[in-house]
Amino acid sequence: MCCHTPADNNVNKYLQAKCDELGTDGTVDELVDLLKGIPEYRDAVLQGMGPVIFEGSGSRRTGKIMLDMTGGTSGPVDSLSKLAAAGVGTIVGMHMGEEHRKKAKEEKISVVIAGHYSSDSLGMNLIIDEYERQGVEVIACSDLRG
């Protein structure tokens, strides 16, 4: 069974709801602390790979937070201008290239990189949790963190 995209979509929805609870007046540091409170990201912190501020400062207000947890691509660089115009103040993603980071800086958008493997684990765990609620026994293997 292949369910990478559904896992990405689940983590995106889950984290967007958490970020919406934080609101637009929280700080980037508070956002990072929120992520670090989630077991998969807390585990990543213990391994030295936890969520990090990739652009902006921790004391900056988040403004609207947009999640970008689908793997593979960050989309067109020019999309960051449109996001800024729409009021997005912070992007949380799995990864971001240097060209995108520079554009985010230009647009005064903060960027928090949550981490790819920990985000994948969270997405899969959200799916697995539902299977387990339905009585399916799941044995984690490979690099999946429970």
N, C-alpha and C. Protein backbone atom coordinates (compact mmCIF):
# COMPACT_ATOMS: atom_id res chain seq x y z
N MET A 1 0.85 -1.18 0.00
CA MET A 1 0.00 0.00 0.00
C MET A 1 0.89 1.23 0.00
N CYS A 2 0.60 2.18 -0.83
CA CYS A 2 1.32 3.44 -0.87
C CYS A 2 0.38 4.54 -0.41
N CYS A 3 0.78 5.24 0.62
CA CYS A 3 -0.11 6.32 1.11
C CYS A 3 0.70 7.54 1.54
N HIS A 4 1.74 7.86 0.77
CA HIS A 4 2.57 9.01 1.11
C HIS A 4 1.78 10.32 1.00
N THR A 5 1.08 10.52 -0.10
CA THR A 5 0.32 11.76 -0.26
C THR A 5 -0.80 11.87 0.77
N PRO A 6 -1.57 10.81 1.04
CA PRO A 6 -2.57 10.93 2.11
C PRO A 6 -1.93 11.27 3.46
N ALA A 7 -0.74 10.73 3.72
CA ALA A 7 -0.06 11.06 4.97
C ALA A 7 0.31 12.53 5.00
N ASP A 8 0.84 13.05 3.88
CA ASP A 8 1.17 14.48 3.79
C ASP A 8 -0.09 15.33 4.00
N ASN A 9 -1.18 14.93 3.37
CA ASN A 9 -2.43 15.68 3.51
C ASN A 9 -2.94 15.66 4.94
N ASN A 10 -2.80 14.52 5.61
CA ASN A 10 -3.23 14.41 7.00
C ASN A 10 -2.41 15.30 7.92
N VAL A 11 -1.09 15.29 7.74
CA VAL A 11 -0.24 16.12 8.60
C VAL A 11 -0.51 17.59 8.32
N ASN A 12 -0.77 17.94 7.08
CA ASN A 12 -1.09 19.33 6.73
C ASN A 12 -2.36 19.78 7.45
N LYS A 13 -3.40 18.96 7.37
CA LYS A 13 -4.68 19.29 8.02
C LYS A 13 -4.54 19.36 9.54
N TYR A 14 -3.85 18.38 10.11
CA TYR A 14 -3.65 18.32 11.56
C TYR A 14 -2.90 19.54 12.07
N LEU A 15 -1.78 19.86 11.41
CA LEU A 15 -0.97 20.99 11.86
C LEU A 15 -1.64 22.32 11.58
N GLN A 16 -2.39 22.43 10.48
CA GLN A 16 -3.11 23.69 10.22
C GLN A 16 -4.10 23.96 11.34
N ALA A 17 -4.79 22.93 11.80
CA ALA A 17 -5.74 23.09 12.91
C ALA A 17 -5.02 23.55 14.18
N LYS A 18 -3.86 22.95 14.45
CA LYS A 18 -3.06 23.36 15.63
C LYS A 18 -2.62 24.81 15.49
N CYS A 19 -2.16 25.20 14.32
CA CYS A 19 -1.70 26.57 14.08
C CYS A 19 -2.85 27.56 14.16
N ASP A 20 -4.02 27.15 13.68
CA ASP A 20 -5.20 28.02 13.77
C ASP A 20 -5.54 28.29 15.23
N GLU A 21 -5.32 27.30 16.12
CA GLU A 21 -5.55 27.50 17.55
C GLU A 21 -4.57 28.54 18.12
N LEU A 22 -3.35 28.55 17.62
CA LEU A 22 -2.35 29.53 18.06
C LEU A 22 -2.79 30.93 17.67
N GLY A 23 -3.45 31.05 16.54
CA GLY A 23 -3.93 32.35 16.07
C GLY A 23 -2.86 33.13 15.34
N THR A 24 -3.19 34.36 15.01
CA THR A 24 -2.28 35.21 14.23
C THR A 24 -1.41 36.11 15.09
N ASP A 25 -1.67 36.13 16.39
CA ASP A 25 -0.90 37.01 17.27
C ASP A 25 0.22 36.30 18.01
N GLY A 26 0.35 34.99 17.80
CA GLY A 26 1.44 34.25 18.43
C GLY A 26 2.77 34.61 17.79
N THR A 27 3.84 34.24 18.45
CA THR A 27 5.17 34.48 17.89
C THR A 27 5.68 33.23 17.18
N VAL A 28 6.69 33.41 16.37
CA VAL A 28 7.31 32.28 15.68
C VAL A 28 7.90 31.32 16.71
N ASP A 29 8.47 31.84 17.80
CA ASP A 29 8.98 30.96 18.87
C ASP A 29 7.86 30.12 19.46
N GLU A 30 6.69 30.71 19.68
CA GLU A 30 5.55 29.95 20.21
C GLU A 30 5.12 28.87 19.22
N LEU A 31 5.18 29.18 17.95
CA LEU A 31 4.85 28.20 16.92
C LEU A 31 5.84 27.03 16.96
N VAL A 32 7.12 27.32 17.06
CA VAL A 32 8.14 26.27 17.13
C VAL A 32 7.92 25.43 18.40
N ASP A 33 7.61 26.08 19.51
CA ASP A 33 7.33 25.34 20.75
C ASP A 33 6.11 24.44 20.59
N LEU A 34 5.09 24.92 19.89
CA LEU A 34 3.90 24.10 19.63
C LEU A 34 4.31 22.85 18.87
N LEU A 35 5.12 23.01 17.83
CA LEU A 35 5.57 21.85 17.06
C LEU A 35 6.39 20.89 17.92
N LYS A 36 7.28 21.45 18.71
CA LYS A 36 8.14 20.61 19.56
C LYS A 36 7.35 19.84 20.61
N GLY A 37 6.12 20.25 20.88
CA GLY A 37 5.27 19.54 21.83
C GLY A 37 4.59 18.31 21.22
N ILE A 38 4.70 18.14 19.91
CA ILE A 38 4.11 16.99 19.22
C ILE A 38 5.16 15.87 19.22
N PRO A 39 4.79 14.66 19.64
CA PRO A 39 5.79 13.59 19.85
C PRO A 39 6.77 13.36 18.71
N GLU A 40 6.31 13.37 17.48
CA GLU A 40 7.22 13.10 16.36
C GLU A 40 8.27 14.20 16.22
N TYR A 41 7.90 15.43 16.48
CA TYR A 41 8.86 16.53 16.42
C TYR A 41 9.74 16.58 17.67
N ARG A 42 9.16 16.23 18.81
CA ARG A 42 9.97 16.15 20.04
C ARG A 42 11.07 15.10 19.87
N ASP A 43 10.73 13.97 19.25
CA ASP A 43 11.72 12.94 18.97
C ASP A 43 12.81 13.48 18.05
N ALA A 44 12.41 14.26 17.05
CA ALA A 44 13.38 14.85 16.12
C ALA A 44 14.32 15.81 16.86
N VAL A 45 13.78 16.56 17.82
CA VAL A 45 14.61 17.48 18.62
C VAL A 45 15.69 16.68 19.35
N LEU A 46 15.31 15.56 19.93
CA LEU A 46 16.27 14.72 20.66
C LEU A 46 17.36 14.18 19.75
N GLN A 47 17.08 14.08 18.46
CA GLN A 47 18.06 13.62 17.48
C GLN A 47 18.80 14.78 16.82
N GLY A 48 18.55 16.00 17.29
CA GLY A 48 19.21 17.17 16.73
C GLY A 48 18.64 17.61 15.40
N MET A 49 17.40 17.20 15.10
CA MET A 49 16.78 17.54 13.80
C MET A 49 15.41 18.16 13.98
N GLY A 50 15.21 18.86 15.06
CA GLY A 50 13.89 19.39 15.36
C GLY A 50 13.50 20.56 14.49
N PRO A 51 12.27 21.02 14.64
CA PRO A 51 11.80 22.18 13.89
C PRO A 51 12.72 23.38 14.11
N VAL A 52 12.98 24.13 13.04
CA VAL A 52 13.88 25.28 13.12
C VAL A 52 13.28 26.46 12.37
N ILE A 53 13.66 27.65 12.81
CA ILE A 53 13.30 28.86 12.10
C ILE A 53 14.30 29.01 10.96
N PHE A 54 13.80 28.93 9.74
CA PHE A 54 14.64 28.99 8.55
C PHE A 54 14.75 30.42 8.03
N GLU A 55 13.72 31.22 8.30
CA GLU A 55 13.73 32.63 7.92
C GLU A 55 12.89 33.39 8.92
N GLY A 56 13.37 34.58 9.31
CA GLY A 56 12.67 35.41 10.27
C GLY A 56 13.27 35.24 11.65
N SER A 57 12.61 35.81 12.63
CA SER A 57 13.09 35.72 14.01
C SER A 57 11.99 35.17 14.91
N GLY A 58 12.41 34.59 16.01
CA GLY A 58 11.47 33.98 16.93
C GLY A 58 10.51 34.96 17.57
N SER A 59 10.92 36.21 17.70
CA SER A 59 10.06 37.20 18.34
C SER A 59 9.02 37.80 17.39
N ARG A 60 9.15 37.53 16.11
CA ARG A 60 8.22 38.07 15.11
C ARG A 60 6.84 37.42 15.28
N ARG A 61 5.79 38.19 15.08
CA ARG A 61 4.42 37.65 15.09
C ARG A 61 4.24 36.74 13.87
N THR A 62 3.47 35.68 14.05
CA THR A 62 3.28 34.74 12.94
C THR A 62 2.39 35.30 11.85
N GLY A 63 1.39 36.10 12.21
CA GLY A 63 0.38 36.47 11.23
C GLY A 63 -0.34 35.20 10.80
N LYS A 64 -0.94 35.22 9.62
CA LYS A 64 -1.59 34.00 9.11
C LYS A 64 -0.51 32.95 8.87
N ILE A 65 -0.81 31.73 9.30
CA ILE A 65 0.14 30.62 9.13
C ILE A 65 -0.39 29.70 8.04
N MET A 66 0.48 29.41 7.07
CA MET A 66 0.12 28.49 6.00
C MET A 66 1.01 27.25 6.09
N LEU A 67 0.40 26.10 6.03
CA LEU A 67 1.14 24.84 6.04
C LEU A 67 1.41 24.39 4.63
N ASP A 68 2.62 23.89 4.39
CA ASP A 68 3.00 23.34 3.09
C ASP A 68 3.73 22.03 3.35
N MET A 69 2.95 21.00 3.63
CA MET A 69 3.54 19.73 4.05
C MET A 69 3.51 18.66 2.97
N THR A 70 3.32 19.06 1.74
CA THR A 70 3.42 18.07 0.67
C THR A 70 4.86 18.03 0.20
N GLY A 71 5.38 16.83 0.07
CA GLY A 71 6.77 16.67 -0.31
C GLY A 71 7.03 16.97 -1.77
N GLY A 72 8.29 17.09 -2.10
CA GLY A 72 8.68 17.18 -3.49
C GLY A 72 9.04 18.55 -3.98
N THR A 73 8.14 19.51 -3.88
CA THR A 73 8.40 20.82 -4.48
C THR A 73 7.83 21.93 -3.62
N SER A 74 8.41 23.08 -3.74
CA SER A 74 7.92 24.24 -3.00
C SER A 74 7.07 25.16 -3.86
N GLY A 75 6.84 24.80 -5.09
CA GLY A 75 6.04 25.64 -5.97
C GLY A 75 6.87 26.79 -6.53
N PRO A 76 6.25 27.62 -7.34
CA PRO A 76 6.98 28.73 -7.96
C PRO A 76 7.42 29.76 -6.92
N VAL A 77 8.60 30.31 -7.09
CA VAL A 77 9.12 31.33 -6.18
C VAL A 77 8.16 32.52 -6.13
N ASP A 78 7.60 32.89 -7.27
CA ASP A 78 6.70 34.05 -7.34
C ASP A 78 5.43 33.88 -6.50
N SER A 79 5.10 32.64 -6.15
CA SER A 79 3.91 32.42 -5.33
C SER A 79 4.05 33.07 -3.96
N LEU A 80 5.28 33.26 -3.50
CA LEU A 80 5.49 33.86 -2.18
C LEU A 80 5.00 35.30 -2.15
N SER A 81 5.14 36.03 -3.23
CA SER A 81 4.61 37.40 -3.30
C SER A 81 3.10 37.40 -3.15
N LYS A 82 2.47 36.44 -3.80
CA LYS A 82 1.00 36.34 -3.74
C LYS A 82 0.54 35.94 -2.33
N LEU A 83 1.31 35.04 -1.69
CA LEU A 83 0.97 34.65 -0.32
C LEU A 83 1.10 35.84 0.63
N ALA A 84 2.18 36.62 0.48
CA ALA A 84 2.36 37.81 1.31
C ALA A 84 1.22 38.79 1.10
N ALA A 85 0.83 39.00 -0.16
CA ALA A 85 -0.28 39.91 -0.47
C ALA A 85 -1.59 39.42 0.14
N ALA A 86 -1.72 38.10 0.29
CA ALA A 86 -2.93 37.51 0.88
C ALA A 86 -2.88 37.52 2.41
N GLY A 87 -1.78 38.02 2.97
CA GLY A 87 -1.69 38.14 4.42
C GLY A 87 -0.97 37.03 5.14
N VAL A 88 -0.37 36.09 4.39
CA VAL A 88 0.38 35.02 5.05
C VAL A 88 1.65 35.61 5.63
N GLY A 89 1.86 35.38 6.92
CA GLY A 89 3.04 35.89 7.60
C GLY A 89 4.06 34.82 7.90
N THR A 90 3.62 33.55 7.93
CA THR A 90 4.51 32.44 8.26
C THR A 90 4.12 31.22 7.44
N ILE A 91 5.13 30.54 6.94
CA ILE A 91 4.95 29.26 6.26
C ILE A 91 5.63 28.20 7.11
N VAL A 92 4.93 27.09 7.32
CA VAL A 92 5.51 25.92 7.97
C VAL A 92 5.59 24.84 6.91
N GLY A 93 6.77 24.31 6.69
CA GLY A 93 6.94 23.29 5.67
C GLY A 93 7.91 22.21 6.09
N MET A 94 8.01 21.20 5.24
CA MET A 94 8.97 20.12 5.47
C MET A 94 10.37 20.55 5.07
N HIS A 95 10.45 21.36 4.02
CA HIS A 95 11.75 21.79 3.50
C HIS A 95 11.52 23.00 2.61
N MET A 96 12.59 23.73 2.32
CA MET A 96 12.51 24.87 1.42
C MET A 96 13.90 25.16 0.89
N GLY A 97 13.99 25.45 -0.39
CA GLY A 97 15.27 25.78 -1.01
C GLY A 97 15.69 27.21 -0.73
N GLU A 98 16.95 27.48 -1.01
CA GLU A 98 17.54 28.79 -0.72
C GLU A 98 16.87 29.92 -1.52
N GLU A 99 16.54 29.69 -2.77
CA GLU A 99 15.90 30.72 -3.58
C GLU A 99 14.54 31.12 -2.97
N HIS A 100 13.80 30.13 -2.49
CA HIS A 100 12.52 30.40 -1.85
C HIS A 100 12.72 31.14 -0.53
N ARG A 101 13.76 30.76 0.22
CA ARG A 101 14.04 31.43 1.49
C ARG A 101 14.34 32.91 1.26
N LYS A 102 15.15 33.19 0.25
CA LYS A 102 15.48 34.59 -0.06
C LYS A 102 14.23 35.39 -0.42
N LYS A 103 13.35 34.79 -1.19
CA LYS A 103 12.10 35.47 -1.57
C LYS A 103 11.21 35.66 -0.35
N ALA A 104 11.16 34.66 0.54
CA ALA A 104 10.38 34.80 1.77
C ALA A 104 10.93 35.96 2.61
N LYS A 105 12.23 36.08 2.68
CA LYS A 105 12.85 37.19 3.42
C LYS A 105 12.45 38.52 2.80
N GLU A 106 12.53 38.61 1.48
CA GLU A 106 12.15 39.83 0.77
C GLU A 106 10.70 40.20 1.05
N GLU A 107 9.84 39.19 1.16
CA GLU A 107 8.41 39.42 1.38
C GLU A 107 8.06 39.50 2.87
N LYS A 108 9.08 39.39 3.73
CA LYS A 108 8.89 39.43 5.19
C LYS A 108 7.98 38.31 5.70
N ILE A 109 8.13 37.14 5.09
CA ILE A 109 7.42 35.94 5.51
C ILE A 109 8.39 35.10 6.34
N SER A 110 7.97 34.75 7.54
CA SER A 110 8.77 33.83 8.37
C SER A 110 8.59 32.42 7.83
N VAL A 111 9.62 31.61 7.98
CA VAL A 111 9.56 30.21 7.54
C VAL A 111 10.05 29.32 8.66
N VAL A 112 9.24 28.33 9.00
CA VAL A 112 9.63 27.31 9.97
C VAL A 112 9.69 25.99 9.22
N ILE A 113 10.84 25.34 9.30
CA ILE A 113 11.00 24.02 8.70
C ILE A 113 10.78 22.98 9.80
N ALA A 114 9.71 22.23 9.66
CA ALA A 114 9.35 21.23 10.66
C ALA A 114 10.20 19.97 10.53
N GLY A 115 10.64 19.68 9.31
CA GLY A 115 11.42 18.47 9.07
C GLY A 115 10.63 17.47 8.26
N HIS A 116 11.32 16.82 7.33
CA HIS A 116 10.65 15.90 6.42
C HIS A 116 10.31 14.57 7.09
N TYR A 117 11.30 13.92 7.68
CA TYR A 117 11.05 12.58 8.23
C TYR A 117 10.08 12.63 9.41
N SER A 118 10.22 13.61 10.28
CA SER A 118 9.31 13.71 11.42
C SER A 118 7.90 14.03 10.95
N SER A 119 7.77 14.86 9.90
CA SER A 119 6.44 15.16 9.35
C SER A 119 5.83 13.93 8.69
N ASP A 120 6.66 13.17 7.96
CA ASP A 120 6.17 11.93 7.37
C ASP A 120 5.70 10.96 8.45
N SER A 121 6.47 10.86 9.53
CA SER A 121 6.07 9.98 10.63
C SER A 121 4.75 10.42 11.24
N LEU A 122 4.59 11.72 11.46
CA LEU A 122 3.34 12.23 12.01
C LEU A 122 2.17 11.89 11.08
N GLY A 123 2.34 12.14 9.80
CA GLY A 123 1.27 11.84 8.84
C GLY A 123 0.89 10.37 8.83
N MET A 124 1.90 9.51 8.85
CA MET A 124 1.62 8.07 8.87
C MET A 124 0.98 7.66 10.19
N ASN A 125 1.45 8.23 11.30
CA ASN A 125 0.87 7.89 12.60
C ASN A 125 -0.60 8.30 12.69
N LEU A 126 -0.96 9.40 12.06
CA LEU A 126 -2.37 9.80 12.03
C LEU A 126 -3.21 8.75 11.30
N ILE A 127 -2.68 8.21 10.22
CA ILE A 127 -3.38 7.15 9.49
C ILE A 127 -3.41 5.86 10.31
N ILE A 128 -2.27 5.50 10.87
CA ILE A 128 -2.17 4.27 11.66
C ILE A 128 -3.08 4.33 12.89
N ASP A 129 -3.17 5.50 13.53
CA ASP A 129 -4.05 5.64 14.69
C ASP A 129 -5.48 5.24 14.33
N GLU A 130 -5.92 5.63 13.14
CA GLU A 130 -7.28 5.29 12.72
C GLU A 130 -7.41 3.78 12.49
N TYR A 131 -6.41 3.17 11.88
CA TYR A 131 -6.44 1.71 11.71
C TYR A 131 -6.52 1.01 13.05
N GLU A 132 -5.70 1.46 14.01
CA GLU A 132 -5.68 0.83 15.33
C GLU A 132 -7.02 1.00 16.05
N ARG A 133 -7.66 2.16 15.88
CA ARG A 133 -8.99 2.36 16.48
C ARG A 133 -9.99 1.35 15.93
N GLN A 134 -9.73 0.87 14.70
CA GLN A 134 -10.63 -0.10 14.08
C GLN A 134 -10.18 -1.54 14.33
N GLY A 135 -9.18 -1.72 15.20
CA GLY A 135 -8.76 -3.05 15.60
C GLY A 135 -7.62 -3.66 14.81
N VAL A 136 -7.01 -2.92 13.90
CA VAL A 136 -5.90 -3.44 13.12
C VAL A 136 -4.61 -3.30 13.92
N GLU A 137 -3.88 -4.40 14.06
CA GLU A 137 -2.58 -4.33 14.74
C GLU A 137 -1.53 -3.86 13.74
N VAL A 138 -0.79 -2.84 14.13
CA VAL A 138 0.23 -2.26 13.26
C VAL A 138 1.58 -2.40 13.95
N ILE A 139 2.56 -2.88 13.21
CA ILE A 139 3.93 -2.99 13.73
C ILE A 139 4.80 -2.02 12.94
N ALA A 140 5.31 -1.00 13.63
CA ALA A 140 6.15 0.01 12.96
C ALA A 140 7.49 -0.59 12.61
N CYS A 141 8.01 -0.22 11.45
CA CYS A 141 9.32 -0.70 11.03
C CYS A 141 10.01 0.40 10.24
N SER A 142 11.20 0.11 9.79
CA SER A 142 12.01 1.06 9.03
C SER A 142 12.26 2.28 9.91
N ASP A 143 12.00 3.48 9.40
CA ASP A 143 12.29 4.69 10.14
C ASP A 143 11.05 5.35 10.72
N LEU A 144 9.90 4.65 10.69
CA LEU A 144 8.67 5.21 11.23
C LEU A 144 8.79 5.32 12.74
N ARG A 145 8.51 6.50 13.25
CA ARG A 145 8.56 6.75 14.69
C ARG A 145 7.15 6.73 15.25
N GLY A 146 6.93 6.00 16.30
CA GLY A 146 5.61 5.90 16.90
C GLY A 146 5.32 6.92 17.94
